Protein backbone atom coordinates (compact mmCIF):
# COMPACT_ATOMS: atom_id res chain seq x y z
CA MET A 1 -49.10 79.49 -27.71
CA LEU A 2 -49.95 76.00 -26.66
CA GLU A 3 -46.29 74.89 -27.09
CA LEU A 4 -45.59 77.36 -24.24
CA THR A 5 -48.66 77.05 -22.09
CA ASP A 6 -48.83 73.22 -22.24
CA TYR A 7 -45.16 72.97 -20.95
CA ILE A 8 -45.73 75.60 -18.31
CA LYS A 9 -48.80 73.58 -17.14
CA TRP A 10 -46.77 70.40 -16.94
CA VAL A 11 -43.91 72.01 -15.00
CA LYS A 12 -46.39 73.41 -12.47
CA GLU A 13 -48.09 70.03 -12.09
CA HIS A 14 -44.77 68.27 -11.59
CA PRO A 15 -42.77 70.59 -9.18
CA LYS A 16 -40.69 67.66 -7.87
CA GLU A 17 -39.53 66.78 -11.40
CA THR A 18 -38.17 70.28 -12.23
CA CYS A 19 -35.59 72.45 -10.42
CA ALA A 20 -36.04 75.85 -8.95
CA MET A 21 -34.17 77.49 -11.84
CA THR A 22 -36.51 75.84 -14.47
CA GLN A 23 -39.54 77.04 -12.45
CA LEU A 24 -38.21 80.63 -12.41
CA ALA A 25 -37.56 80.45 -16.29
CA ILE A 26 -41.19 79.33 -16.72
CA LYS A 27 -42.42 82.17 -14.47
CA ARG A 28 -40.43 84.61 -16.55
CA VAL A 29 -41.98 83.29 -19.82
CA GLU A 30 -45.44 83.63 -18.20
CA GLY A 31 -44.61 87.25 -17.72
CA LEU A 32 -43.88 87.64 -21.45
CA ILE A 33 -47.19 85.88 -22.24
CA LYS A 34 -48.98 88.48 -20.13
CA GLN A 35 -47.17 91.24 -22.10
CA VAL A 36 -48.50 89.75 -25.28
CA LYS A 37 -52.04 89.76 -24.05
CA ASN A 38 -51.52 93.41 -22.88
CA LYS A 39 -50.32 94.29 -26.36
CA GLU A 40 -46.80 95.17 -25.02
CA LEU A 41 -45.23 92.48 -27.08
CA LYS A 42 -46.21 90.41 -30.11
CA TYR A 43 -46.04 86.54 -30.50
CA ASP A 44 -45.32 85.22 -33.98
CA GLN A 45 -47.18 81.87 -34.04
CA GLU A 46 -46.53 81.35 -37.72
CA ALA A 47 -42.83 81.70 -37.32
CA VAL A 48 -42.82 79.12 -34.58
CA LYS A 49 -44.94 76.76 -36.51
CA ASP A 50 -42.65 77.19 -39.57
CA ILE A 51 -39.68 75.97 -37.42
CA PHE A 52 -41.71 73.08 -36.06
CA ARG A 53 -42.78 71.95 -39.52
CA PHE A 54 -39.24 72.10 -40.82
CA MET A 55 -37.73 70.36 -37.90
CA GLN A 56 -40.30 67.54 -37.88
CA VAL A 57 -39.80 66.54 -41.41
CA LEU A 58 -36.09 66.05 -40.94
CA VAL A 59 -35.15 62.42 -41.41
CA ILE A 60 -32.69 61.25 -38.76
CA ASN A 61 -31.68 57.84 -40.18
CA LYS A 62 -31.79 55.60 -43.25
CA SER A 63 -34.93 53.91 -41.95
CA GLY A 64 -36.88 57.03 -42.57
CA GLU A 65 -37.51 57.99 -38.99
CA THR A 66 -38.29 61.67 -38.65
CA LEU A 67 -37.22 63.98 -35.85
CA LYS A 68 -39.63 64.13 -32.89
CA LEU A 69 -39.35 67.36 -30.87
CA LEU A 70 -39.53 66.93 -27.11
CA SER A 71 -41.70 69.15 -25.11
CA TRP A 72 -38.81 71.17 -23.60
CA GLN A 73 -37.44 71.59 -27.15
CA LYS A 74 -40.77 73.00 -28.33
CA PHE A 75 -40.90 75.29 -25.36
CA PHE A 76 -37.24 76.59 -25.99
CA ILE A 77 -38.05 77.21 -29.74
CA ALA A 78 -41.23 78.98 -29.09
CA ALA A 79 -39.70 81.18 -26.40
CA LEU A 80 -36.74 82.07 -28.60
CA TYR A 81 -38.45 82.67 -31.88
CA GLY A 82 -41.95 83.54 -30.90
CA PHE A 83 -41.73 86.80 -28.85
CA ARG A 84 -41.27 89.89 -31.02
CA GLU A 85 -40.97 93.62 -30.31
CA LEU A 86 -44.29 95.32 -30.80
CA GLU A 87 -43.26 98.15 -33.14
CA SER A 88 -40.36 96.56 -35.13
CA GLY A 89 -41.35 92.99 -35.16
CA ARG A 90 -37.74 91.98 -34.31
CA ILE A 91 -37.02 88.92 -32.25
CA LEU A 92 -36.99 89.77 -28.53
CA HIS A 93 -34.47 87.17 -27.52
CA ASN A 94 -31.27 87.64 -29.44
CA GLU A 95 -29.34 85.63 -26.89
CA ALA A 96 -30.11 82.40 -25.06
CA PHE A 97 -28.42 80.09 -22.68
CA LEU A 98 -29.25 76.47 -22.18
CA PHE A 99 -27.80 74.45 -19.26
CA ILE A 100 -28.78 70.80 -19.70
CA ALA A 101 -27.29 67.32 -19.14
CA LYS A 102 -25.92 65.34 -22.01
CA LYS A 103 -28.14 62.88 -24.00
CA ASN A 104 -31.17 65.18 -23.95
CA GLY A 105 -31.44 65.95 -27.60
CA LYS A 106 -29.44 69.17 -27.73
CA THR A 107 -27.34 68.06 -30.79
CA ALA A 108 -30.51 67.22 -32.77
CA LEU A 109 -32.02 70.57 -31.80
CA ILE A 110 -29.07 72.82 -32.61
CA SER A 111 -28.30 70.91 -35.86
CA GLY A 112 -31.92 71.40 -36.95
CA LEU A 113 -32.01 75.15 -36.08
CA ALA A 114 -28.76 75.74 -37.91
CA LEU A 115 -30.17 74.08 -41.03
CA HIS A 116 -33.41 76.09 -40.75
CA ASN A 117 -31.44 79.33 -40.52
CA LEU A 118 -29.27 78.36 -43.51
CA LEU A 119 -32.32 77.73 -45.75
CA HIS A 120 -34.67 80.41 -44.59
CA VAL A 121 -32.62 83.49 -43.73
CA PRO A 122 -31.32 85.44 -46.67
CA ASP A 123 -27.46 85.45 -46.91
CA ALA A 124 -27.34 83.30 -43.84
CA GLN A 125 -24.07 82.89 -41.97
CA VAL A 126 -24.24 80.20 -39.36
CA ILE A 127 -21.39 79.38 -37.04
CA LEU A 128 -21.33 76.39 -34.72
CA VAL A 129 -18.44 76.45 -32.27
CA ALA A 130 -17.24 73.21 -30.63
CA THR A 131 -14.56 72.55 -28.04
CA ASP A 132 -12.46 70.58 -30.62
CA TYR A 133 -12.73 68.86 -34.06
CA ASN A 134 -13.93 65.53 -32.59
CA GLN A 135 -16.94 67.39 -31.01
CA ALA A 136 -17.38 69.49 -34.16
CA LYS A 137 -17.74 66.28 -36.21
CA ILE A 138 -20.66 65.11 -33.98
CA ALA A 139 -22.75 68.24 -34.95
CA PHE A 140 -21.50 68.12 -38.54
CA GLY A 141 -22.48 64.45 -38.75
CA THR A 142 -26.01 65.21 -37.65
CA ILE A 143 -26.39 67.94 -40.07
CA CYS A 144 -25.04 65.85 -42.92
CA SER A 145 -27.34 63.01 -41.86
CA TYR A 146 -30.37 65.37 -42.09
CA ILE A 147 -29.39 66.48 -45.53
CA ARG A 148 -28.68 63.00 -46.98
CA ASN A 149 -31.75 61.33 -45.42
CA THR A 150 -34.41 64.03 -45.94
CA PRO A 151 -35.75 63.82 -49.48
CA PHE A 152 -35.99 67.43 -50.43
CA LEU A 153 -32.60 68.26 -48.87
CA ALA A 154 -31.05 65.24 -50.66
CA GLU A 155 -32.44 66.64 -53.85
CA TYR A 156 -30.85 69.95 -53.17
CA LEU A 157 -27.64 68.14 -52.51
CA SER A 158 -27.86 66.22 -55.89
CA GLN A 159 -28.49 69.49 -57.70
CA LYS A 160 -25.51 71.11 -55.78
CA TYR A 161 -27.79 73.80 -54.32
CA LEU A 162 -26.42 72.31 -51.08
CA VAL A 163 -22.68 71.64 -50.95
CA ILE A 164 -20.96 69.76 -48.10
CA ARG A 165 -17.35 70.35 -47.30
CA GLU A 166 -15.83 67.54 -45.24
CA SER A 167 -12.36 69.08 -44.67
CA PRO A 168 -11.75 71.76 -42.13
CA PRO A 169 -13.37 74.14 -41.64
CA LEU A 170 -16.34 71.71 -41.92
CA GLY A 171 -19.35 73.25 -43.41
CA VAL A 172 -22.44 73.41 -45.71
CA ALA A 173 -23.11 76.05 -48.43
CA TYR A 174 -26.49 76.83 -49.90
CA ASN A 175 -27.85 78.75 -52.99
CA GLU A 176 -31.46 78.24 -53.92
CA HIS A 177 -30.80 79.02 -57.67
CA LYS A 178 -27.39 77.53 -58.71
CA GLU A 179 -24.42 75.52 -57.46
CA ALA A 180 -23.53 76.78 -54.01
CA SER A 181 -20.22 78.55 -53.16
CA PHE A 182 -18.63 78.84 -49.75
CA LEU A 183 -17.16 82.13 -51.01
CA THR A 184 -20.37 84.00 -51.91
CA ASP A 185 -23.39 82.06 -50.63
CA SER A 186 -25.26 81.23 -47.41
CA LYS A 187 -23.23 78.81 -45.24
CA ILE A 188 -22.79 76.86 -41.98
CA LEU A 189 -19.26 76.68 -40.61
CA ILE A 190 -18.40 74.37 -37.75
CA ILE A 191 -15.12 75.31 -36.04
CA PRO A 192 -13.30 74.46 -32.84
CA GLU A 193 -12.87 76.99 -30.08
CA THR A 194 -9.19 76.97 -30.59
CA ARG A 195 -9.36 78.36 -34.09
CA ALA A 196 -11.09 81.71 -33.47
CA GLN A 197 -9.36 83.20 -36.53
CA GLU A 198 -11.55 81.11 -38.81
CA ALA A 199 -14.59 83.26 -37.67
CA ASN A 200 -12.95 86.58 -38.48
CA GLY A 201 -14.92 88.79 -40.93
CA PHE A 202 -18.30 87.02 -40.50
CA ASN A 203 -21.63 88.71 -39.80
CA PRO A 204 -23.47 85.67 -38.33
CA THR A 205 -27.22 85.28 -38.41
CA PHE A 206 -27.00 82.42 -36.06
CA ALA A 207 -24.22 81.31 -33.61
CA LEU A 208 -24.06 78.33 -31.47
CA PHE A 209 -21.49 78.01 -28.74
CA ASP A 210 -21.54 74.30 -27.65
CA GLU A 211 -20.21 73.12 -24.22
CA ILE A 212 -18.74 76.53 -23.44
CA ALA A 213 -17.81 75.23 -19.97
CA ALA A 214 -15.03 73.32 -21.79
CA TYR A 215 -13.70 76.49 -23.56
CA ARG A 216 -10.32 77.75 -22.47
CA THR A 217 -11.26 81.46 -22.93
CA ASN A 218 -14.19 83.57 -23.98
CA LYS A 219 -12.17 84.99 -27.07
CA ILE A 220 -14.01 83.20 -29.90
CA LYS A 221 -17.46 84.17 -28.37
CA GLU A 222 -16.47 87.81 -28.09
CA SER A 223 -15.02 87.72 -31.67
CA ILE A 224 -18.10 86.25 -33.15
CA ARG A 225 -20.63 88.30 -31.08
CA SER A 226 -18.93 91.53 -32.31
CA GLY A 227 -19.84 90.67 -35.77
CA MET A 228 -23.57 89.96 -35.09
CA ILE A 229 -25.17 93.17 -36.16
CA ARG A 230 -28.26 92.08 -38.08
CA GLY A 231 -31.50 92.79 -36.48
CA ASN A 232 -32.73 89.23 -35.96
CA TYR A 233 -29.37 87.51 -35.15
CA ILE A 234 -29.53 84.71 -32.64
CA SER A 235 -26.71 83.60 -30.34
CA VAL A 236 -27.21 80.40 -28.24
CA SER A 237 -24.75 79.08 -25.61
CA ILE A 238 -25.14 75.53 -24.33
CA THR A 239 -23.26 73.62 -21.67
CA THR A 240 -23.25 70.97 -19.14
CA ALA A 241 -21.48 71.26 -15.79
CA GLU A 242 -17.73 70.98 -15.47
CA THR A 243 -15.52 70.46 -12.35
CA SER A 244 -13.57 73.70 -13.06
CA MET A 245 -15.06 76.85 -11.68
CA GLN A 246 -13.07 79.13 -13.95
CA ASN A 247 -14.41 78.88 -17.47
CA PRO A 248 -16.85 80.84 -19.78
CA GLY A 249 -19.51 78.30 -19.17
CA ARG A 250 -19.47 78.96 -15.36
CA ALA A 251 -19.70 82.81 -16.00
CA GLU A 252 -22.65 82.27 -18.26
CA TYR A 253 -24.34 80.03 -15.79
CA ASP A 254 -23.94 82.67 -13.01
CA ARG A 255 -25.37 85.30 -15.36
CA ALA A 256 -28.30 83.18 -16.11
CA ARG A 257 -29.04 82.51 -12.42
CA ASN A 258 -28.86 86.16 -11.71
CA VAL A 259 -31.27 87.03 -14.43
CA LEU A 260 -33.72 84.35 -13.38
CA THR A 261 -33.55 85.39 -9.64
CA GLY A 262 -34.00 89.06 -10.56
CA LYS A 263 -30.56 90.28 -9.53
CA PHE A 264 -29.82 91.28 -13.16
CA VAL A 265 -32.14 92.61 -15.88
CA ALA A 266 -31.50 91.39 -19.37
CA ARG A 267 -34.66 91.77 -21.51
CA ASN A 268 -33.18 90.22 -24.65
CA TYR A 269 -31.68 87.16 -22.84
CA LEU A 270 -33.42 83.75 -22.59
CA PRO A 271 -31.88 81.54 -19.93
CA LEU A 272 -33.18 77.94 -19.36
CA ILE A 273 -31.46 75.85 -16.72
CA TYR A 274 -32.10 72.16 -16.06
CA GLU A 275 -30.23 70.82 -12.96
CA LEU A 276 -30.72 69.04 -9.72
CA ASP A 277 -31.59 71.29 -6.73
CA ASP A 278 -29.30 71.03 -3.65
CA HIS A 279 -31.74 68.82 -1.74
CA ASP A 280 -32.26 66.36 -4.61
CA ASP A 281 -30.86 62.79 -4.48
CA ARG A 282 -28.07 62.77 -7.12
CA TRP A 283 -27.98 58.94 -6.97
């Protein structure tokens, strides 16, 4: 569990560089580690390593540079995928919330996790929800770049085991044995928040709600979440701050703070907040 304990140690040694909410998130994960030691939970080290291995062979550009996971990304992945129910072995955290400023590697992270789910989960149905098509194209572009630049994925593409659709709804289909079809095979769909109807009828294995503070309503999230009935589904909401106080992102942020401060109990929920504290110098 070094991916967890090393980051926990760093946060504790640098209290002025992390906010109060991050420190509470760290404390919460420490409690889960204690439960593992007490044999109340399991920690699937191999599942975490598998994701790390996959992510770190992804080639991010034509120069051949591979993805380098940051320490906070490793911590987030480990906390999300590592902790398991003792009896069933199911993922503990089916739902996660990440509040982080832009330009901190979230697109690289979510794109890699989406691809991992597509390739490793049987009959995967992955949905990435963006605020509009312009934002959707950013995540789609990153996923396509991974596929075209990573040798084994590029080979899948040439054999049509992976098929890229560049017209709306944007997406990638996968079949490990024959030419992939969007009608019958595993797939990633990337849709804007305004087109909730495109998510109807899905049973997602992985759903990502990007920049939810910019969503007009919570309709699409409610629609997709209602179809997530498989045991190890994962739903991740990510956002940065917005000036409006009335949006789904603000409601999720308040929920996360309430869980971290102990006002709410949500055992299957993983909140991680990076922000400035009230006393910090914002300039």
